[in-house]
């Protein structure tokens, strides 16, 4: 089989058409994969934003809790513990008996 210039053009045009279809299919698949990645990134961005908001609220709550704990610690410094209270009760009983 002899290939002349016309036959060669015909073969090349046929192969070019097949190649363009193949590249088109690959391009469509690539674009759909990119679209999936973009949608996934958008979802992760929303989750990240929600997590940032939650952390900001937790930070505020922790600051309030710290303030409350400091207040409680200050109040506890002014109180006596159980052993001291029992000792005072005994002293009061002894004093009451002496009267």
Protein backbone atom coordinates (compact mmCIF):
# COMPACT_ATOMS: atom_id res chain seq x y z
CA UNK A 1 0.00 0.00 0.00
CA UNK A 2 1.44 3.21 -1.15
CA UNK A 3 0.79 6.42 0.75
CA UNK A 4 0.50 9.53 -1.35
CA UNK A 5 0.09 13.07 -0.14
CA UNK A 6 -3.72 13.00 -0.27
CA UNK A 7 -3.92 9.71 1.62
CA UNK A 8 -1.47 11.01 4.23
CA UNK A 9 -3.58 14.17 4.76
CA UNK A 10 -6.68 12.02 5.18
CA UNK A 11 -4.97 9.77 7.74
CA UNK A 12 -3.58 12.75 9.65
CA UNK A 13 -6.96 14.53 9.72
CA UNK A 14 -8.61 11.36 11.04
CA UNK A 15 -5.96 10.96 13.74
CA UNK A 16 -6.20 14.65 14.57
CA UNK A 17 -9.96 14.33 15.07
CA UNK A 18 -9.47 11.32 17.37
CA UNK A 19 -6.74 13.14 19.27
CA UNK A 20 -8.96 16.24 19.71
CA UNK A 21 -11.82 14.06 21.01
CA UNK A 22 -9.41 12.40 23.45
CA UNK A 23 -8.02 15.75 24.63
CA UNK A 24 -11.58 17.10 24.96
CA UNK A 25 -12.57 14.13 27.13
CA UNK A 26 -9.49 14.55 29.31
CA UNK A 27 -10.15 18.29 29.59
CA UNK A 28 -13.78 17.72 30.69
CA UNK A 29 -12.67 15.18 33.29
CA UNK A 30 -9.96 17.52 34.55
CA UNK A 31 -12.41 20.42 34.80
CA UNK A 32 -14.92 18.29 36.73
CA UNK A 33 -12.17 17.20 39.14
CA UNK A 34 -11.10 20.82 39.63
CA UNK A 35 -14.73 21.77 40.29
CA UNK A 36 -14.96 19.05 42.98
CA UNK A 37 -11.76 20.33 44.60
CA UNK A 38 -13.07 23.92 44.55
CA UNK A 39 -16.37 22.83 46.17
CA UNK A 40 -14.46 20.87 48.80
CA UNK A 41 -12.23 23.87 49.54
CA UNK A 42 -15.30 26.08 49.89
CA UNK A 43 -16.81 23.62 52.39
CA UNK A 44 -13.60 23.54 54.37
CA UNK A 45 -13.48 27.35 54.37
CA UNK A 46 -16.98 27.44 55.89
CA UNK A 47 -15.96 24.88 58.52
CA UNK A 48 -12.83 26.87 59.33
CA UNK A 49 -14.89 30.02 59.76
CA UNK A 50 -17.27 28.19 62.13
CA UNK A 51 -14.32 26.85 64.13
CA UNK A 52 -12.82 30.36 64.39
CA UNK A 53 -16.13 31.70 65.72
CA UNK A 54 -16.34 28.88 68.24
CA UNK A 55 -12.77 29.51 69.42
CA UNK A 56 -13.51 33.23 69.82
CA UNK A 57 -16.57 32.44 71.97
CA UNK A 58 -14.60 29.91 74.02
CA UNK A 59 -11.82 32.45 74.56
CA UNK A 60 -14.35 34.95 75.89
CA UNK A 61 -15.89 32.29 78.14
CA UNK A 62 -12.47 31.30 79.49
CA UNK A 63 -11.70 34.94 80.34
CA UNK A 64 -14.99 35.17 82.26
CA UNK A 65 -14.28 31.89 84.08
CA UNK A 66 -10.81 33.12 85.05
CA UNK A 67 -12.31 36.29 86.50
CA UNK A 68 -14.82 34.25 88.49
CA UNK A 69 -12.12 31.93 89.80
CA UNK A 70 -10.00 34.89 90.93
CA UNK A 71 -13.01 36.31 92.75
CA UNK A 72 -13.71 32.96 94.44
CA UNK A 73 -10.06 32.64 95.48
CA UNK A 74 -10.15 36.09 97.05
CA UNK A 75 -13.36 35.23 98.91
CA UNK A 76 -11.90 31.94 100.16
CA UNK A 77 -8.91 33.76 101.66
CA UNK A 78 -11.32 35.47 104.04
CA UNK A 79 -12.90 32.22 105.23
CA UNK A 80 -11.65 29.61 107.67
CA UNK A 81 -11.29 25.91 106.97
CA UNK A 82 -13.16 23.12 108.77
CA UNK A 83 -10.36 22.38 111.25
CA UNK A 84 -10.20 26.02 112.34
CA UNK A 85 -13.98 26.11 112.69
CA UNK A 86 -14.02 22.98 114.89
CA UNK A 87 -11.25 24.45 117.08
CA UNK A 88 -13.26 27.66 117.49
CA UNK A 89 -16.38 25.66 118.40
CA UNK A 90 -14.45 23.83 121.11
CA UNK A 91 -13.08 27.11 122.50
CA UNK A 92 -16.58 28.61 122.57
CA UNK A 93 -17.95 25.52 124.36
CA UNK A 94 -15.19 25.74 126.95
CA UNK A 95 -15.89 29.45 127.48
CA UNK A 96 -19.65 28.82 127.77
CA UNK A 97 -19.06 26.11 130.38
CA UNK A 98 -16.91 28.44 132.47
CA UNK A 99 -19.71 30.99 132.79
